[in-house]
PDB file of N, CA and C in Angstrom:
ATOM      1  N   MET A   1       5.710  22.576  -4.741  1.00  0.00           N
ATOM      2  CA  MET A   1       6.407  21.355  -4.367  1.00  0.00           C
ATOM      3  C   MET A   1       5.402  20.206  -4.246  1.00  0.00           C
ATOM      4  N   GLU A   2       5.777  19.050  -4.750  1.00  0.00           N
ATOM      5  CA  GLU A   2       4.904  17.882  -4.684  1.00  0.00           C
ATOM      6  C   GLU A   2       4.877  17.313  -3.273  1.00  0.00           C
ATOM      7  N   SER A   3       3.763  16.678  -2.936  1.00  0.00           N
ATOM      8  CA  SER A   3       3.622  16.046  -1.629  1.00  0.00           C
ATOM      9  C   SER A   3       4.539  14.840  -1.517  1.00  0.00           C
ATOM     10  N   VAL A   4       5.086  14.646  -0.347  1.00  0.00           N
ATOM     11  CA  VAL A   4       5.979  13.527  -0.070  1.00  0.00           C
ATOM     12  C   VAL A   4       5.183  12.411   0.607  1.00  0.00           C
ATOM     13  N   SER A   5       5.495  11.182   0.268  1.00  0.00           N
ATOM     14  CA  SER A   5       4.862  10.030   0.911  1.00  0.00           C
ATOM     15  C   SER A   5       5.504   9.808   2.279  1.00  0.00           C
ATOM     16  N   PRO A   6       4.691   9.620   3.330  1.00  0.00           N
ATOM     17  CA  PRO A   6       5.252   9.422   4.675  1.00  0.00           C
ATOM     18  C   PRO A   6       6.023   8.110   4.781  1.00  0.00           C
ATOM     19  N   ARG A   7       7.100   8.127   5.551  1.00  0.00           N
ATOM     20  CA  ARG A   7       7.950   6.941   5.701  1.00  0.00           C
ATOM     21  C   ARG A   7       7.448   6.011   6.793  1.00  0.00           C
ATOM     22  N   VAL A   8       7.692   4.728   6.587  1.00  0.00           N
ATOM     23  CA  VAL A   8       7.419   3.720   7.605  1.00  0.00           C
ATOM     24  C   VAL A   8       8.629   3.694   8.538  1.00  0.00           C
ATOM     25  N   THR A   9       8.378   3.798   9.843  1.00  0.00           N
ATOM     26  CA  THR A   9       9.483   3.807  10.804  1.00  0.00           C
ATOM     27  C   THR A   9       9.670   2.474  11.518  1.00  0.00           C
ATOM     28  N   LYS A  10       8.605   1.659  11.595  1.00  0.00           N
ATOM     29  CA  LYS A  10       8.729   0.363  12.269  1.00  0.00           C
ATOM     30  C   LYS A  10       7.621  -0.562  11.797  1.00  0.00           C
ATOM     31  N   LEU A  11       7.960  -1.836  11.649  1.00  0.00           N
ATOM     32  CA  LEU A  11       7.003  -2.855  11.227  1.00  0.00           C
ATOM     33  C   LEU A  11       7.135  -4.071  12.128  1.00  0.00           C
ATOM     34  N   SER A  12       6.006  -4.568  12.607  1.00  0.00           N
ATOM     35  CA  SER A  12       5.980  -5.828  13.345  1.00  0.00           C
ATOM     36  C   SER A  12       4.642  -6.498  13.058  1.00  0.00           C
ATOM     37  N   TRP A  13       4.483  -7.733  13.516  1.00  0.00           N
ATOM     38  CA  TRP A  13       3.250  -8.480  13.260  1.00  0.00           C
ATOM     39  C   TRP A  13       2.058  -7.707  13.835  1.00  0.00           C
ATOM     40  N   GLY A  14       1.126  -7.327  12.958  1.00  0.00           N
ATOM     41  CA  GLY A  14      -0.087  -6.644  13.387  1.00  0.00           C
ATOM     42  C   GLY A  14       0.063  -5.171  13.689  1.00  0.00           C
ATOM     43  N   ARG A  15       1.219  -4.579  13.360  1.00  0.00           N
ATOM     44  CA  ARG A  15       1.463  -3.173  13.720  1.00  0.00           C
ATOM     45  C   ARG A  15       2.464  -2.536  12.754  1.00  0.00           C
ATOM     46  N   ILE A  16       2.113  -1.336  12.304  1.00  0.00           N
ATOM     47  CA  ILE A  16       3.034  -0.562  11.472  1.00  0.00           C
ATOM     48  C   ILE A  16       3.042   0.870  11.986  1.00  0.00           C
ATOM     49  N   GLU A  17       4.238   1.432  12.108  1.00  0.00           N
ATOM     50  CA  GLU A  17       4.384   2.799  12.590  1.00  0.00           C
ATOM     51  C   GLU A  17       4.867   3.677  11.441  1.00  0.00           C
ATOM     52  N   ILE A  18       4.241   4.851  11.347  1.00  0.00           N
ATOM     53  CA  ILE A  18       4.539   5.816  10.292  1.00  0.00           C
ATOM     54  C   ILE A  18       5.108   7.069  10.949  1.00  0.00           C
ATOM     55  N   GLU A  19       6.037   7.755  10.260  1.00  0.00           N
ATOM     56  CA  GLU A  19       6.614   8.965  10.840  1.00  0.00           C
ATOM     57  C   GLU A  19       5.502   9.894  11.320  1.00  0.00           C
ATOM     58  N   GLY A  20       5.757  10.560  12.422  1.00  0.00           N
ATOM     59  CA  GLY A  20       4.736  11.383  13.045  1.00  0.00           C
ATOM     60  C   GLY A  20       4.003  10.634  14.144  1.00  0.00           C
ATOM     61  N   ASN A  21       4.563   9.480  14.550  1.00  0.00           N
ATOM     62  CA  ASN A  21       3.989   8.651  15.620  1.00  0.00           C
ATOM     63  C   ASN A  21       2.592   8.133  15.316  1.00  0.00           C
ATOM     64  N   LEU A  22       2.331   7.804  14.062  1.00  0.00           N
ATOM     65  CA  LEU A  22       1.053   7.210  13.667  1.00  0.00           C
ATOM     66  C   LEU A  22       1.194   5.695  13.679  1.00  0.00           C
ATOM     67  N   VAL A  23       0.189   5.000  14.203  1.00  0.00           N
ATOM     68  CA  VAL A  23       0.235   3.541  14.320  1.00  0.00           C
ATOM     69  C   VAL A  23      -1.035   2.945  13.722  1.00  0.00           C
ATOM     70  N   PHE A  24      -0.870   1.892  12.927  1.00  0.00           N
ATOM     71  CA  PHE A  24      -1.992   1.216  12.276  1.00  0.00           C
ATOM     72  C   PHE A  24      -1.773  -0.292  12.308  1.00  0.00           C
ATOM     73  N   LYS A  25      -2.852  -1.027  12.060  1.00  0.00           N
ATOM     74  CA  LYS A  25      -2.747  -2.470  11.803  1.00  0.00           C
ATOM     75  C   LYS A  25      -2.442  -2.655  10.318  1.00  0.00           C
ATOM     76  N   ASP A  26      -3.293  -2.094   9.478  1.00  0.00           N
ATOM     77  CA  ASP A  26      -3.080  -2.055   8.031  1.00  0.00           C
ATOM     78  C   ASP A  26      -3.188  -0.594   7.619  1.00  0.00           C
ATOM     79  N   VAL A  27      -2.431  -0.194   6.590  1.00  0.00           N
ATOM     80  CA  VAL A  27      -2.382   1.228   6.260  1.00  0.00           C
ATOM     81  C   VAL A  27      -2.384   1.468   4.754  1.00  0.00           C
ATOM     82  N   LYS A  28      -2.985   2.593   4.364  1.00  0.00           N
ATOM     83  CA  LYS A  28      -2.888   3.129   3.009  1.00  0.00           C
ATOM     84  C   LYS A  28      -1.913   4.293   3.098  1.00  0.00           C
ATOM     85  N   LEU A  29      -0.867   4.254   2.282  1.00  0.00           N
ATOM     86  CA  LEU A  29       0.141   5.315   2.232  1.00  0.00           C
ATOM     87  C   LEU A  29       0.104   5.951   0.852  1.00  0.00           C
ATOM     88  N   PHE A  30       0.211   7.271   0.792  1.00  0.00           N
ATOM     89  CA  PHE A  30       0.156   7.967  -0.493  1.00  0.00           C
ATOM     90  C   PHE A  30       0.843   9.320  -0.360  1.00  0.00           C
ATOM     91  N   PRO A  31       1.187   9.963  -1.488  1.00  0.00           N
ATOM     92  CA  PRO A  31       1.821  11.272  -1.411  1.00  0.00           C
ATOM     93  C   PRO A  31       0.959  12.239  -0.592  1.00  0.00           C
ATOM     94  N   GLY A  32       1.544  12.770   0.463  1.00  0.00           N
ATOM     95  CA  GLY A  32       0.842  13.735   1.298  1.00  0.00           C
ATOM     96  C   GLY A  32       0.135  13.164   2.504  1.00  0.00           C
ATOM     97  N   GLY A  33       0.101  11.833   2.664  1.00  0.00           N
ATOM     98  CA  GLY A  33      -0.595  11.329   3.838  1.00  0.00           C
ATOM     99  C   GLY A  33      -0.726   9.829   3.938  1.00  0.00           C
ATOM    100  N   CYS A  34      -1.537   9.426   4.897  1.00  0.00           N
ATOM    101  CA  CYS A  34      -1.813   8.015   5.128  1.00  0.00           C
ATOM    102  C   CYS A  34      -3.073   7.907   5.975  1.00  0.00           C
ATOM    103  N   ARG A  35      -3.646   6.708   5.991  1.00  0.00           N
ATOM    104  CA  ARG A  35      -4.783   6.446   6.870  1.00  0.00           C
ATOM    105  C   ARG A  35      -4.941   4.943   7.029  1.00  0.00           C
ATOM    106  N   GLN A  36      -5.767   4.573   7.993  1.00  0.00           N
ATOM    107  CA  GLN A  36      -6.051   3.159   8.219  1.00  0.00           C
ATOM    108  C   GLN A  36      -6.621   2.544   6.948  1.00  0.00           C
ATOM    109  N   TRP A  37      -6.176   1.328   6.643  1.00  0.00           N
ATOM    110  CA  TRP A  37      -6.770   0.565   5.542  1.00  0.00           C
ATOM    111  C   TRP A  37      -7.772  -0.390   6.176  1.00  0.00           C
ATOM    112  N   ASN A  38      -9.035  -0.030   6.071  1.00  0.00           N
ATOM    113  CA  ASN A  38     -10.124  -0.819   6.639  1.00  0.00           C
ATOM    114  C   ASN A  38     -10.730  -1.669   5.534  1.00  0.00           C
ATOM    115  N   TRP A  39     -10.483  -2.962   5.572  1.00  0.00           N
ATOM    116  CA  TRP A  39     -10.958  -3.873   4.527  1.00  0.00           C
ATOM    117  C   TRP A  39     -12.474  -3.862   4.406  1.00  0.00           C
ATOM    118  N   ARG A  40     -13.181  -3.563   5.494  1.00  0.00           N
ATOM    119  CA  ARG A  40     -14.646  -3.585   5.463  1.00  0.00           C
ATOM    120  C   ARG A  40     -15.220  -2.525   4.525  1.00  0.00           C
ATOM    121  N   GLU A  41     -14.468  -1.462   4.278  1.00  0.00           N
ATOM    122  CA  GLU A  41     -14.951  -0.396   3.386  1.00  0.00           C
ATOM    123  C   GLU A  41     -15.242  -0.920   1.985  1.00  0.00           C
ATOM    124  N   THR A  42     -14.464  -1.887   1.538  1.00  0.00           N
ATOM    125  CA  THR A  42     -14.612  -2.416   0.177  1.00  0.00           C
ATOM    126  C   THR A  42     -14.956  -3.899   0.148  1.00  0.00           C
ATOM    127  N   GLY A  43     -15.041  -4.516   1.310  1.00  0.00           N
ATOM    128  CA  GLY A  43     -15.353  -5.946   1.364  1.00  0.00           C
ATOM    129  C   GLY A  43     -14.180  -6.835   0.996  1.00  0.00           C
ATOM    130  N   THR A  44     -12.975  -6.333   1.158  1.00  0.00           N
ATOM    131  CA  THR A  44     -11.773  -7.097   0.818  1.00  0.00           C
ATOM    132  C   THR A  44     -11.576  -8.259   1.790  1.00  0.00           C
ATOM    133  N   GLU A  45     -11.155  -9.391   1.241  1.00  0.00           N
ATOM    134  CA  GLU A  45     -10.800 -10.579   2.020  1.00  0.00           C
ATOM    135  C   GLU A  45      -9.494 -11.130   1.453  1.00  0.00           C
ATOM    136  N   HIS A  46      -8.840 -12.028   2.187  1.00  0.00           N
ATOM    137  CA  HIS A  46      -7.561 -12.586   1.724  1.00  0.00           C
ATOM    138  C   HIS A  46      -7.678 -13.176   0.325  1.00  0.00           C
ATOM    139  N   SER A  47      -8.794 -13.805   0.047  1.00  0.00           N
ATOM    140  CA  SER A  47      -9.065 -14.329  -1.290  1.00  0.00           C
ATOM    141  C   SER A  47     -10.509 -13.988  -1.631  1.00  0.00           C
ATOM    142  N   PRO A  48     -10.776 -13.320  -2.728  1.00  0.00           N
ATOM    143  CA  PRO A  48      -9.926 -13.106  -3.895  1.00  0.00           C
ATOM    144  C   PRO A  48      -8.869 -12.013  -3.755  1.00  0.00           C
ATOM    145  N   GLY A  49      -8.893 -11.221  -2.684  1.00  0.00           N
ATOM    146  CA  GLY A  49      -7.790 -10.309  -2.452  1.00  0.00           C
ATOM    147  C   GLY A  49      -8.060  -8.841  -2.686  1.00  0.00           C
ATOM    148  N   ILE A  50      -6.949  -8.095  -2.797  1.00  0.00           N
ATOM    149  CA  ILE A  50      -6.994  -6.646  -2.987  1.00  0.00           C
ATOM    150  C   ILE A  50      -7.766  -6.330  -4.257  1.00  0.00           C
ATOM    151  N   GLN A  51      -8.670  -5.351  -4.147  1.00  0.00           N
ATOM    152  CA  GLN A  51      -9.498  -4.929  -5.272  1.00  0.00           C
ATOM    153  C   GLN A  51      -9.035  -3.558  -5.770  1.00  0.00           C
ATOM    154  N   TYR A  52      -9.469  -3.202  -6.968  1.00  0.00           N
ATOM    155  CA  TYR A  52      -9.128  -1.877  -7.486  1.00  0.00           C
ATOM    156  C   TYR A  52      -9.674  -0.786  -6.571  1.00  0.00           C
ATOM    157  N   SER A  53     -10.847  -1.016  -5.991  1.00  0.00           N
ATOM    158  CA  SER A  53     -11.437  -0.008  -5.099  1.00  0.00           C
ATOM    159  C   SER A  53     -10.547   0.258  -3.881  1.00  0.00           C
ATOM    160  N   ASP A  54      -9.723  -0.695  -3.478  1.00  0.00           N
ATOM    161  CA  ASP A  54      -8.770  -0.471  -2.390  1.00  0.00           C
ATOM    162  C   ASP A  54      -7.665   0.492  -2.820  1.00  0.00           C
ATOM    163  N   VAL A  55      -7.296   0.425  -4.081  1.00  0.00           N
ATOM    164  CA  VAL A  55      -6.182   1.203  -4.629  1.00  0.00           C
ATOM    165  C   VAL A  55      -6.615   2.608  -5.061  1.00  0.00           C
ATOM    166  N   GLN A  56      -7.891   2.796  -5.321  1.00  0.00           N
ATOM    167  CA  GLN A  56      -8.401   4.047  -5.902  1.00  0.00           C
ATOM    168  C   GLN A  56      -7.937   5.294  -5.144  1.00  0.00           C
ATOM    169  N   GLU A  57      -7.958   5.261  -3.825  1.00  0.00           N
ATOM    170  CA  GLU A  57      -7.547   6.425  -3.036  1.00  0.00           C
ATOM    171  C   GLU A  57      -6.084   6.789  -3.286  1.00  0.00           C
ATOM    172  N   LEU A  58      -5.242   5.793  -3.506  1.00  0.00           N
ATOM    173  CA  LEU A  58      -3.846   6.068  -3.817  1.00  0.00           C
ATOM    174  C   LEU A  58      -3.740   6.824  -5.136  1.00  0.00           C
ATOM    175  N   ILE A  59      -4.506   6.373  -6.135  1.00  0.00           N
ATOM    176  CA  ILE A  59      -4.503   7.011  -7.454  1.00  0.00           C
ATOM    177  C   ILE A  59      -5.040   8.437  -7.351  1.00  0.00           C
ATOM    178  N   ASP A  60      -6.105   8.603  -6.567  1.00  0.00           N
ATOM    179  CA  ASP A  60      -6.702   9.931  -6.378  1.00  0.00           C
ATOM    180  C   ASP A  60      -5.723  10.911  -5.744  1.00  0.00           C
ATOM    181  N   ASN A  61      -4.696  10.400  -5.076  1.00  0.00           N
ATOM    182  CA  ASN A  61      -3.679  11.235  -4.439  1.00  0.00           C
ATOM    183  C   ASN A  61      -2.382  11.277  -5.244  1.00  0.00           C
ATOM    184  N   ASN A  62      -2.509  11.098  -6.556  1.00  0.00           N
ATOM    185  CA  ASN A  62      -1.399  11.279  -7.512  1.00  0.00           C
ATOM    186  C   ASN A  62      -0.251  10.287  -7.375  1.00  0.00           C
ATOM    187  N   THR A  63      -0.572   9.076  -6.963  1.00  0.00           N
ATOM    188  CA  THR A  63       0.438   8.026  -6.895  1.00  0.00           C
ATOM    189  C   THR A  63       0.784   7.547  -8.304  1.00  0.00           C
ATOM    190  N   LYS A  64       2.068   7.425  -8.599  1.00  0.00           N
ATOM    191  CA  LYS A  64       2.536   6.942  -9.904  1.00  0.00           C
ATOM    192  C   LYS A  64       3.121   5.531  -9.820  1.00  0.00           C
ATOM    193  N   ILE A  65       3.481   5.118  -8.605  1.00  0.00           N
ATOM    194  CA  ILE A  65       3.985   3.771  -8.349  1.00  0.00           C
ATOM    195  C   ILE A  65       3.178   3.216  -7.179  1.00  0.00           C
ATOM    196  N   VAL A  66       2.601   2.038  -7.358  1.00  0.00           N
ATOM    197  CA  VAL A  66       1.787   1.413  -6.315  1.00  0.00           C
ATOM    198  C   VAL A  66       2.482   0.145  -5.823  1.00  0.00           C
ATOM    199  N   ILE A  67       2.602   0.023  -4.509  1.00  0.00           N
ATOM    200  CA  ILE A  67       3.166  -1.170  -3.889  1.00  0.00           C
ATOM    201  C   ILE A  67       2.054  -1.848  -3.098  1.00  0.00           C
ATOM    202  N   LEU A  68       1.801  -3.100  -3.425  1.00  0.00           N
ATOM    203  CA  LEU A  68       0.753  -3.870  -2.768  1.00  0.00           C
ATOM    204  C   LEU A  68       1.389  -4.954  -1.916  1.00  0.00           C
ATOM    205  N   SER A  69       1.146  -4.882  -0.625  1.00  0.00           N
ATOM    206  CA  SER A  69       1.667  -5.867   0.314  1.00  0.00           C
ATOM    207  C   SER A  69       0.745  -7.073   0.347  1.00  0.00           C
ATOM    208  N   LYS A  70       1.332  -8.247   0.185  1.00  0.00           N
ATOM    209  CA  LYS A  70       0.557  -9.493   0.203  1.00  0.00           C
ATOM    210  C   LYS A  70       0.535 -10.129   1.592  1.00  0.00           C
ATOM    211  N   GLY A  71       0.994  -9.381   2.606  1.00  0.00           N
ATOM    212  CA  GLY A  71       1.044  -9.890   3.970  1.00  0.00           C
ATOM    213  C   GLY A  71       2.426 -10.424   4.309  1.00  0.00           C
ATOM    214  N   ILE A  72       2.683 -10.576   5.595  1.00  0.00           N
ATOM    215  CA  ILE A  72       3.983 -11.083   6.065  1.00  0.00           C
ATOM    216  C   ILE A  72       4.266 -12.466   5.478  1.00  0.00           C
ATOM    217  N   LEU A  73       3.239 -13.306   5.442  1.00  0.00           N
ATOM    218  CA  LEU A  73       3.397 -14.671   4.934  1.00  0.00           C
ATOM    219  C   LEU A  73       2.978 -14.818   3.473  1.00  0.00           C
ATOM    220  N   GLY A  74       2.507 -13.734   2.864  1.00  0.00           N
ATOM    221  CA  GLY A  74       2.111 -13.772   1.456  1.00  0.00           C
ATOM    222  C   GLY A  74       0.739 -14.358   1.191  1.00  0.00           C
ATOM    223  N   ARG A  75      -0.152 -14.336   2.174  1.00  0.00           N
ATOM    224  CA  ARG A  75      -1.469 -14.964   2.008  1.00  0.00           C
ATOM    225  C   ARG A  75      -2.528 -14.056   1.393  1.00  0.00           C
ATOM    226  N   LEU A  76      -2.283 -12.742   1.358  1.00  0.00           N
ATOM    227  CA  LEU A  76      -3.243 -11.814   0.763  1.00  0.00           C
ATOM    228  C   LEU A  76      -3.054 -11.797  -0.750  1.00  0.00           C
ATOM    229  N   LYS A  77      -4.086 -12.130  -1.465  1.00  0.00           N
ATOM    230  CA  LYS A  77      -4.034 -12.164  -2.935  1.00  0.00           C
ATOM    231  C   LYS A  77      -4.301 -10.762  -3.499  1.00  0.00           C
ATOM    232  N   VAL A  78      -4.029 -10.600  -4.790  1.00  0.00           N
ATOM    233  CA  VAL A  78      -4.335  -9.369  -5.521  1.00  0.00           C
ATOM    234  C   VAL A  78      -5.167  -9.770  -6.722  1.00  0.00           C
ATOM    235  N   GLN A  79      -6.352  -9.184  -6.846  1.00  0.00           N
ATOM    236  CA  GLN A  79      -7.211  -9.519  -7.978  1.00  0.00           C
ATOM    237  C   GLN A  79      -6.545  -9.093  -9.283  1.00  0.00           C
ATOM    238  N   LYS A  80      -6.695  -9.912 -10.308  1.00  0.00           N
ATOM    239  CA  LYS A  80      -6.051  -9.702 -11.603  1.00  0.00           C
ATOM    240  C   LYS A  80      -6.375  -8.332 -12.200  1.00  0.00           C
ATOM    241  N   GLU A  81      -7.629  -7.894 -12.045  1.00  0.00           N
ATOM    242  CA  GLU A  81      -8.047  -6.616 -12.626  1.00  0.00           C
ATOM    243  C   GLU A  81      -7.255  -5.429 -12.081  1.00  0.00           C
ATOM    244  N   VAL A  82      -6.713  -5.541 -10.879  1.00  0.00           N
ATOM    245  CA  VAL A  82      -5.961  -4.438 -10.285  1.00  0.00           C
ATOM    246  C   VAL A  82      -4.747  -4.112 -11.150  1.00  0.00           C
ATOM    247  N   GLY A  83      -3.935  -5.113 -11.431  1.00  0.00           N
ATOM    248  CA  GLY A  83      -2.754  -4.903 -12.266  1.00  0.00           C
ATOM    249  C   GLY A  83      -3.099  -4.444 -13.664  1.00  0.00           C
ATOM    250  N   GLU A  84      -4.166  -5.010 -14.229  1.00  0.00           N
ATOM    251  CA  GLU A  84      -4.588  -4.638 -15.581  1.00  0.00           C
ATOM    252  C   GLU A  84      -5.003  -3.174 -15.648  1.00  0.00           C
ATOM    253  N   LYS A  85      -5.822  -2.722 -14.703  1.00  0.00           N
ATOM    254  CA  LYS A  85      -6.283  -1.326 -14.699  1.00  0.00           C
ATOM    255  C   LYS A  85      -5.133  -0.358 -14.446  1.00  0.00           C
ATOM    256  N   LEU A  86      -4.248  -0.702 -13.519  1.00  0.00           N
ATOM    257  CA  LEU A  86      -3.120   0.181 -13.234  1.00  0.00           C
ATOM    258  C   LEU A  86      -2.205   0.302 -14.445  1.00  0.00           C
ATOM    259  N   LYS A  87      -1.997  -0.787 -15.152  1.00  0.00           N
ATOM    260  CA  LYS A  87      -1.165  -0.757 -16.358  1.00  0.00           C
ATOM    261  C   LYS A  87      -1.773   0.184 -17.398  1.00  0.00           C
ATOM    262  N   LEU A  88      -3.098   0.119 -17.566  1.00  0.00           N
ATOM    263  CA  LEU A  88      -3.783   1.007 -18.512  1.00  0.00           C
ATOM    264  C   LEU A  88      -3.630   2.470 -18.124  1.00  0.00           C
ATOM    265  N   GLU A  89      -3.468   2.739 -16.842  1.00  0.00           N
ATOM    266  CA  GLU A  89      -3.299   4.108 -16.338  1.00  0.00           C
ATOM    267  C   GLU A  89      -1.822   4.506 -16.255  1.00  0.00           C
ATOM    268  N   ASN A  90      -0.944   3.668 -16.813  1.00  0.00           N
ATOM    269  CA  ASN A  90       0.507   3.908 -16.795  1.00  0.00           C
ATOM    270  C   ASN A  90       1.063   4.041 -15.382  1.00  0.00           C
ATOM    271  N   ILE A  91       0.531   3.234 -14.477  1.00  0.00           N
ATOM    272  CA  ILE A  91       1.007   3.217 -13.101  1.00  0.00           C
ATOM    273  C   ILE A  91       1.752   1.903 -12.874  1.00  0.00           C
ATOM    274  N   VAL A  92       2.958   2.015 -12.359  1.00  0.00           N
ATOM    275  CA  VAL A  92       3.790   0.849 -12.070  1.00  0.00           C
ATOM    276  C   VAL A  92       3.268   0.192 -10.798  1.00  0.00           C
ATOM    277  N   VAL A  93       3.171  -1.131 -10.796  1.00  0.00           N
ATOM    278  CA  VAL A  93       2.688  -1.845  -9.611  1.00  0.00           C
ATOM    279  C   VAL A  93       3.683  -2.931  -9.195  1.00  0.00           C
ATOM    280  N   HIS A  94       3.917  -3.022  -7.892  1.00  0.00           N
ATOM    281  CA  HIS A  94       4.766  -4.059  -7.305  1.00  0.00           C
ATOM    282  C   HIS A  94       3.920  -4.826  -6.301  1.00  0.00           C
ATOM    283  N   LYS A  95       3.941  -6.157  -6.364  1.00  0.00           N
ATOM    284  CA  LYS A  95       3.221  -7.019  -5.421  1.00  0.00           C
ATOM    285  C   LYS A  95       4.265  -7.819  -4.654  1.00  0.00           C
ATOM    286  N   LEU A  96       4.390  -7.542  -3.361  1.00  0.00           N
ATOM    287  CA  LEU A  96       5.460  -8.130  -2.556  1.00  0.00           C
ATOM    288  C   LEU A  96       4.961  -8.539  -1.177  1.00  0.00           C
ATOM    289  N   LYS A  97       5.689  -9.452  -0.535  1.00  0.00           N
ATOM    290  CA  LYS A  97       5.422  -9.722   0.874  1.00  0.00           C
ATOM    291  C   LYS A  97       5.703  -8.437   1.656  1.00  0.00           C
ATOM    292  N   THR A  98       5.113  -8.323   2.827  1.00  0.00           N
ATOM    293  CA  THR A  98       5.112  -7.059   3.562  1.00  0.00           C
ATOM    294  C   THR A  98       6.498  -6.481   3.832  1.00  0.00           C
ATOM    295  N   LYS A  99       7.438  -7.264   4.326  1.00  0.00           N
ATOM    296  CA  LYS A  99       8.759  -6.717   4.658  1.00  0.00           C
ATOM    297  C   LYS A  99       9.443  -6.137   3.426  1.00  0.00           C
ATOM    298  N   GLU A 100       9.362  -6.849   2.300  1.00  0.00           N
ATOM    299  CA  GLU A 100       9.955  -6.371   1.055  1.00  0.00           C
ATOM    300  C   GLU A 100       9.203  -5.145   0.536  1.00  0.00           C
ATOM    301  N   ALA A 101       7.884  -5.143   0.703  1.00  0.00           N
ATOM    302  CA  ALA A 101       7.061  -4.013   0.258  1.00  0.00           C
ATOM    303  C   ALA A 101       7.437  -2.738   1.011  1.00  0.00           C
ATOM    304  N   VAL A 102       7.599  -2.848   2.321  1.00  0.00           N
ATOM    305  CA  VAL A 102       7.962  -1.684   3.139  1.00  0.00           C
ATOM    306  C   VAL A 102       9.356  -1.186   2.771  1.00  0.00           C
ATOM    307  N   LYS A 103      10.283  -2.097   2.564  1.00  0.00           N
ATOM    308  CA  LYS A 103      11.651  -1.708   2.196  1.00  0.00           C
ATOM    309  C   LYS A 103      11.650  -0.929   0.876  1.00  0.00           C
ATOM    310  N   LEU A 104      10.954  -1.449  -0.133  1.00  0.00           N
ATOM    311  CA  LEU A 104      10.888  -0.762  -1.424  1.00  0.00           C
ATOM    312  C   LEU A 104      10.146   0.563  -1.295  1.00  0.00           C
ATOM    313  N   TYR A 105       9.047   0.567  -0.557  1.00  0.00           N
ATOM    314  CA  TYR A 105       8.269   1.797  -0.365  1.00  0.00           C
ATOM    315  C   TYR A 105       9.140   2.895   0.253  1.00  0.00           C
ATOM    316  N   ASN A 106       9.840   2.584   1.331  1.00  0.00           N
ATOM    317  CA  ASN A 106      10.679   3.597   1.984  1.00  0.00           C
ATOM    318  C   ASN A 106      11.767   4.107   1.050  1.00  0.00           C
ATOM    319  N   LYS A 107      12.337   3.228   0.263  1.00  0.00           N
ATOM    320  CA  LYS A 107      13.376   3.637  -0.692  1.00  0.00           C
ATOM    321  C   LYS A 107      12.795   4.606  -1.725  1.00  0.00           C
ATOM    322  N   LEU A 108      11.651   4.239  -2.313  1.00  0.00           N
ATOM    323  CA  LEU A 108      11.051   5.070  -3.359  1.00  0.00           C
ATOM    324  C   LEU A 108      10.432   6.353  -2.815  1.00  0.00           C
ATOM    325  N   SER A 109       9.991   6.340  -1.554  1.00  0.00           N
ATOM    326  CA  SER A 109       9.310   7.516  -0.995  1.00  0.00           C
ATOM    327  C   SER A 109      10.222   8.739  -0.922  1.00  0.00           C
ATOM    328  N   LYS A 110      11.517   8.520  -1.004  1.00  0.00           N
ATOM    329  CA  LYS A 110      12.470   9.630  -0.963  1.00  0.00           C
ATOM    330  C   LYS A 110      12.410  10.484  -2.224  1.00  0.00           C
ATOM    331  N   SER A 111      12.003   9.870  -3.356  1.00  0.00           N
ATOM    332  CA  SER A 111      12.099  10.600  -4.621  1.00  0.00           C
ATOM    333  C   SER A 111      10.939  10.394  -5.589  1.00  0.00           C
ATOM    334  N   GLU A 112      10.012   9.495  -5.276  1.00  0.00           N
ATOM    335  CA  GLU A 112       8.936   9.165  -6.216  1.00  0.00           C
ATOM    336  C   GLU A 112       7.553   9.396  -5.600  1.00  0.00           C
ATOM    337  N   ALA A 113       6.556   9.549  -6.464  1.00  0.00           N
ATOM    338  CA  ALA A 113       5.157   9.640  -6.024  1.00  0.00           C
ATOM    339  C   ALA A 113       4.650   8.215  -5.831  1.00  0.00           C
ATOM    340  N   VAL A 114       4.982   7.651  -4.676  1.00  0.00           N
ATOM    341  CA  VAL A 114       4.683   6.246  -4.401  1.00  0.00           C
ATOM    342  C   VAL A 114       3.565   6.132  -3.370  1.00  0.00           C
ATOM    343  N   GLY A 115       2.751   5.096  -3.548  1.00  0.00           N
ATOM    344  CA  GLY A 115       1.699   4.783  -2.591  1.00  0.00           C
ATOM    345  C   GLY A 115       1.742   3.299  -2.299  1.00  0.00           C
ATOM    346  N   ALA A 116       1.142   2.907  -1.182  1.00  0.00           N
ATOM    347  CA  ALA A 116       1.173   1.489  -0.817  1.00  0.00           C
ATOM    348  C   ALA A 116      -0.036   1.105   0.017  1.00  0.00           C
ATOM    349  N   LEU A 117      -0.405  -0.152  -0.123  1.00  0.00           N
ATOM    350  CA  LEU A 117      -1.355  -0.793   0.777  1.00  0.00           C
ATOM    351  C   LEU A 117      -0.539  -1.808   1.557  1.00  0.00           C
ATOM    352  N   ILE A 118      -0.456  -1.636   2.867  1.00  0.00           N
ATOM    353  CA  ILE A 118       0.378  -2.503   3.688  1.00  0.00           C
ATOM    354  C   ILE A 118      -0.491  -3.304   4.657  1.00  0.00           C
ATOM    355  N   HIS A 119      -0.368  -4.635   4.560  1.00  0.00           N
ATOM    356  CA  HIS A 119      -1.071  -5.583   5.425  1.00  0.00           C
ATOM    357  C   HIS A 119      -0.038  -6.188   6.367  1.00  0.00           C
ATOM    358  N   THR A 120      -0.278  -6.084   7.688  1.00  0.00           N
ATOM    359  CA  THR A 120       0.773  -6.430   8.651  1.00  0.00           C
ATOM    360  C   THR A 120       0.670  -7.815   9.278  1.00  0.00           C
ATOM    361  N   THR A 121      -0.301  -8.617   8.843  1.00  0.00           N
ATOM    362  CA  THR A 121      -0.345  -9.980   9.372  1.00  0.00           C
ATOM    363  C   THR A 121      -0.168 -10.962   8.219  1.00  0.00           C
ATOM    364  N   CYS A 122      -0.865 -12.066   8.263  1.00  0.00           N
ATOM    365  CA  CYS A 122      -0.625 -13.183   7.347  1.00  0.00           C
ATOM    366  C   CYS A 122      -0.602 -12.781   5.889  1.00  0.00           C
TER     367      CYS A 122
END
């Protein structure tokens, strides 16, 4: 049986809750698990934005659909190379504001190998 992506149970400014009573500020979600998304690991900033190195862990965990949260207010950018590389790997990518990203992620997590980077503030 394939690993299931954990569901988001609650979202608020600066806080996201994942089934199993896990709480994060920003989170990486993927089939079989999740963990804190620490921007310092890759040097990510709001601009130029999410890098491929941020997404790599999702791919390593067999994600076929990637959802990238641009923040509640949409201020987090996504570097152009991210979409280009994912397309070459035949991985579908969605770039959405956080509330829409979580809604789509929870819907797809029921039946798809979906992963997400969720940013809970601006």
